[in-house]
């Protein structure tokens, strides 16, 4: 009888844990983020639409001025053309960065919905780079003293692979955040002259695409290495981490995508996470 009760208790614990994991998925970027992202989307649409219109208008204006070329002094004509070229360049830049902001908002909304989506052909390099920028600016926003040197080494000829984009992006965001956090923490605690550094690298290895994320933080102590992917295990101070990030990352990579996730580390020197996703 007590065996049966114990079994039931274990079952209950397991389902509670699953619920918590699901809640954490929903809460991780949360309703708040979704609301903010929606709010940002409206003015952003204006920026994008009007920058496109401006590019067109500059072209038209250039053509109009060309028809008046005979009536304008050469100096004035070249001044006007120079200003127009600058205007065009500015409008193109606004358009380019507006599109970039749009894709960031899009990925924030995908995360906040928290539900697993469909597999899509995905460019791992550009996803990783976008997540890296998100993490960097997110940490800067939380702590203005935060700074880190970023090294990128992307294999430009990687083929696109089918993954659930918001889930894999979530894995990258989690590991990048941990890496930046640890590298920065070590720099602050040891007051060292060496910069906090994070290096991201992609490679084509046989039937896998490999992503390596390496930080120059304090490494992972031997005694906790076995526990790293267990739910609720965290090295962050109370209130700073849920201890679910790496366990969810493990589930996403290994169970959902049939990939591999492991790490190499040297205490006091570095930690490198290696994520392999099957092509």
Foldseek 3Di string as FASTA:
>chain_A
DVVVVVVVVVVVVVVVLVVVLLVCQQPVLHPVLLVVLVVVVVVLVVLQVVLVVQLVVLVVVLVVVVVCVVVDDPVVSVVVVVVSVVSNVVSVVSNVVSVLSVVLSVLSNVSNVSDFDFWDFADVVVLLVSLLVVLQVVVCVVPVVQDEAEAEAEDVPDGTDTARSSLLSLLSNLVSNVQSVQLRVQCVVVVDPDGWYWYWYWDDDVQKIKIKIKTFGQWDDPVCQVVQLPAQDDPDPPPPDRSHSNVSSQCRQCVVQVWDWHWDTDGHTMIMIMTIGGD
